[in-house]
């Protein structure tokens, strides 16, 4: 069933002639009420451990190298073939990477089919479903302490369930804070 309220927002930035290839990422947009709750936890973590302020999101695809017109067209087509889906947080985990220092692990069975179909349109593999709470280079001990702090700040994080209804496309660069990343498009998924 097609969503009668499908909307697409595209950046009004001027398009260069003979477009260069850039790097892009697709994020699942977290519903506002959940995003606000998660932002409070992120703020508590940053107060103690530092790190940049980040927008709550679930990475769907990263490092797409393409021209903007091509990636926007494929993004819109893929969103049109992808249905809304439910996400459930099954654990708070420490990670091994700057972008996954402490994260919410999302139940993979709920995410694999809808994001798999989306990623197929880009000829890419599915990402591990997660929502990073803190970026940084913490020690293992600090990561464990941060994980405990998440549970102290909001003991209902594990088991939290929400529905993804929109994806956003970002032009990426080497800014590890992601503050200079530019949202190029946002699109509703099928209902």
Protein backbone atom coordinates (compact mmCIF):
# COMPACT_ATOMS: atom_id res chain seq x y z
CA UNK A 1 0.00 0.00 0.00
CA UNK A 2 1.48 3.35 -0.99
CA UNK A 3 1.69 6.19 1.50
CA UNK A 4 -0.65 8.99 0.40
CA UNK A 5 1.36 11.41 2.56
CA UNK A 6 4.75 10.69 0.99
CA UNK A 7 6.90 13.79 1.13
CA UNK A 8 10.37 14.51 -0.05
CA UNK A 9 12.45 17.48 1.04
CA UNK A 10 15.49 18.28 -1.05
CA UNK A 11 18.19 20.87 -0.32
CA UNK A 12 17.93 24.08 -2.31
CA UNK A 13 21.72 24.41 -2.60
CA UNK A 14 22.82 25.16 -6.18
CA UNK A 15 23.84 22.11 -8.20
CA UNK A 16 27.25 22.43 -9.86
CA UNK A 17 27.60 21.72 -13.56
CA UNK A 18 29.49 18.46 -14.11
CA UNK A 19 28.85 17.33 -10.56
CA UNK A 20 31.69 15.93 -8.53
CA UNK A 21 31.43 12.65 -6.69
CA UNK A 22 30.82 13.10 -2.96
CA UNK A 23 30.33 10.75 -0.03
CA UNK A 24 26.79 10.29 1.33
CA UNK A 25 25.08 8.49 4.20
CA UNK A 26 21.46 7.49 4.83
CA UNK A 27 20.03 7.70 8.34
CA UNK A 28 16.75 6.46 9.76
CA UNK A 29 15.06 9.49 11.34
CA UNK A 30 14.09 8.87 14.97
CA UNK A 31 10.56 10.04 15.94
CA UNK A 32 10.64 13.34 17.86
CA UNK A 33 9.33 11.99 21.17
CA UNK A 34 11.98 9.24 21.18
CA UNK A 35 14.71 11.57 19.90
CA UNK A 36 14.07 14.02 22.75
CA UNK A 37 14.31 11.22 25.30
CA UNK A 38 17.56 9.93 23.80
CA UNK A 39 19.03 13.46 23.62
CA UNK A 40 18.70 13.73 27.42
CA UNK A 41 20.75 10.54 27.84
CA UNK A 42 23.32 11.78 25.29
CA UNK A 43 23.63 15.08 27.15
CA UNK A 44 24.27 13.26 30.44
CA UNK A 45 26.97 11.16 28.79
CA UNK A 46 28.65 14.20 27.19
CA UNK A 47 28.64 16.03 30.54
CA UNK A 48 30.76 13.25 32.03
CA UNK A 49 32.74 11.87 29.07
CA UNK A 50 32.88 14.72 26.53
CA UNK A 51 32.37 14.17 22.83
CA UNK A 52 30.40 16.08 20.19
CA UNK A 53 26.66 16.68 20.23
CA UNK A 54 25.14 14.29 17.70
CA UNK A 55 21.68 13.95 16.24
CA UNK A 56 20.00 10.69 17.32
CA UNK A 57 19.80 8.44 14.26
CA UNK A 58 20.20 4.87 13.08
CA UNK A 59 22.70 4.53 10.22
CA UNK A 60 21.16 2.71 7.27
CA UNK A 61 23.94 3.21 4.72
CA UNK A 62 27.31 4.88 4.88
CA UNK A 63 30.05 5.84 2.45
CA UNK A 64 27.95 6.02 -0.70
CA UNK A 65 30.26 7.54 -3.32
CA UNK A 66 28.17 9.13 -6.05
CA UNK A 67 27.10 12.28 -7.87
CA UNK A 68 24.32 14.13 -6.07
CA UNK A 69 21.68 13.77 -8.81
CA UNK A 70 22.28 10.02 -8.98
CA UNK A 71 22.22 9.45 -5.23
CA UNK A 72 19.08 11.59 -4.72
CA UNK A 73 17.25 9.70 -7.50
CA UNK A 74 18.22 6.29 -6.07
CA UNK A 75 17.40 7.48 -2.53
CA UNK A 76 13.87 8.53 -3.55
CA UNK A 77 13.28 5.27 -5.47
CA UNK A 78 14.56 3.15 -2.58
CA UNK A 79 12.43 5.03 -0.02
CA UNK A 80 9.41 4.44 -2.25
CA UNK A 81 10.07 0.68 -2.05
CA UNK A 82 10.75 0.59 1.70
CA UNK A 83 8.04 0.29 4.32
CA UNK A 84 7.94 1.80 7.79
CA UNK A 85 9.34 -0.55 10.43
CA UNK A 86 9.50 -1.04 14.17
CA UNK A 87 12.75 -0.88 16.14
CA UNK A 88 13.27 -2.32 19.60
CA UNK A 89 16.36 -1.60 21.70
CA UNK A 90 17.69 -4.92 22.99
CA UNK A 91 20.86 -3.76 24.76
CA UNK A 92 23.22 -0.91 25.59
CA UNK A 93 26.69 -1.87 24.38
CA UNK A 94 30.21 -0.49 24.30
CA UNK A 95 31.72 -0.38 20.82
CA UNK A 96 35.18 -0.49 19.30
CA UNK A 97 34.95 2.55 17.04
CA UNK A 98 34.82 6.32 17.51
CA UNK A 99 31.29 6.43 16.04
CA UNK A 100 30.07 3.46 18.11
CA UNK A 101 31.62 4.16 21.50
CA UNK A 102 28.43 3.48 23.44
CA UNK A 103 25.30 2.58 21.51
CA UNK A 104 21.80 1.14 21.63
CA UNK A 105 21.72 -2.20 19.81
CA UNK A 106 18.51 -2.51 17.76
CA UNK A 107 16.89 -5.94 17.27
CA UNK A 108 18.33 -7.03 13.89
CA UNK A 109 15.37 -9.19 12.81
CA UNK A 110 13.09 -6.13 12.78
CA UNK A 111 15.48 -4.10 10.66
CA UNK A 112 17.05 -6.58 8.24
CA UNK A 113 14.18 -6.89 5.77
CA UNK A 114 13.24 -3.21 5.28
CA UNK A 115 16.82 -1.93 5.30
CA UNK A 116 17.97 -4.90 3.24
CA UNK A 117 15.53 -3.96 0.48
CA UNK A 118 16.64 -0.33 0.69
CA UNK A 119 20.33 -1.23 0.59
CA UNK A 120 19.73 -3.56 -2.38
CA UNK A 121 18.76 -0.49 -4.43
CA UNK A 122 22.23 0.91 -3.69
CA UNK A 123 23.92 -2.49 -4.17
CA UNK A 124 25.22 -2.34 -0.60
CA UNK A 125 25.25 -4.59 2.47
CA UNK A 126 23.10 -3.98 5.54
CA UNK A 127 24.68 -2.12 8.49
CA UNK A 128 24.57 -3.38 12.06
CA UNK A 129 21.41 -1.79 13.51
CA UNK A 130 22.49 0.62 16.23
CA UNK A 131 21.90 4.10 17.59
CA UNK A 132 25.10 5.70 18.88
CA UNK A 133 24.77 7.61 22.13
CA UNK A 134 28.35 8.87 22.39
CA UNK A 135 31.18 9.47 19.93
CA UNK A 136 34.72 9.42 21.22
CA UNK A 137 37.79 7.42 22.07
CA UNK A 138 37.07 6.10 25.55
CA UNK A 139 38.96 3.38 27.37
CA UNK A 140 37.22 0.05 27.99
CA UNK A 141 36.70 1.06 31.62
CA UNK A 142 35.15 4.40 30.60
CA UNK A 143 32.86 2.64 28.12
CA UNK A 144 31.57 0.32 30.85
CA UNK A 145 31.04 3.30 33.14
CA UNK A 146 29.19 5.12 30.32
CA UNK A 147 27.00 2.06 29.74
CA UNK A 148 26.07 2.04 33.44
CA UNK A 149 25.35 5.78 33.27
CA UNK A 150 22.90 5.20 30.39
CA UNK A 151 20.90 2.81 32.58
CA UNK A 152 21.04 5.28 35.51
CA UNK A 153 19.83 8.15 33.31
CA UNK A 154 16.99 6.13 31.72
CA UNK A 155 16.42 2.57 32.91
CA UNK A 156 13.79 2.09 30.19
CA UNK A 157 16.20 2.30 27.26
CA UNK A 158 16.38 -1.48 26.88
CA UNK A 159 12.98 -2.50 25.56
CA UNK A 160 12.25 0.93 24.07
CA UNK A 161 10.21 0.46 20.87
CA UNK A 162 9.51 3.02 18.14
CA UNK A 163 8.62 3.18 14.45
CA UNK A 164 10.84 4.51 11.67
CA UNK A 165 8.79 6.39 9.07
CA UNK A 166 11.44 8.55 7.37
CA UNK A 167 14.97 8.33 6.01
CA UNK A 168 17.36 11.26 5.52
CA UNK A 169 20.24 11.56 3.05
CA UNK A 170 23.36 13.45 4.15
CA UNK A 171 26.42 14.66 2.24
CA UNK A 172 29.37 13.64 4.41
CA UNK A 173 32.89 14.90 4.93
CA UNK A 174 35.73 14.13 7.32
CA UNK A 175 34.18 16.16 10.18
CA UNK A 176 34.00 13.56 12.97
CA UNK A 177 31.47 15.70 14.86
CA UNK A 178 29.12 15.57 11.82
CA UNK A 179 28.19 19.22 12.51
CA UNK A 180 29.08 20.24 8.94
CA UNK A 181 27.32 17.32 7.27
CA UNK A 182 24.54 18.60 5.02
CA UNK A 183 21.09 17.05 4.83
CA UNK A 184 20.34 16.75 1.10
CA UNK A 185 16.94 15.03 1.22
CA UNK A 186 14.42 13.48 3.57
CA UNK A 187 11.70 11.09 2.44
CA UNK A 188 8.76 9.26 3.99
CA UNK A 189 8.65 5.48 3.84
CA UNK A 190 5.60 3.51 2.70
CA UNK A 191 2.90 3.02 5.32
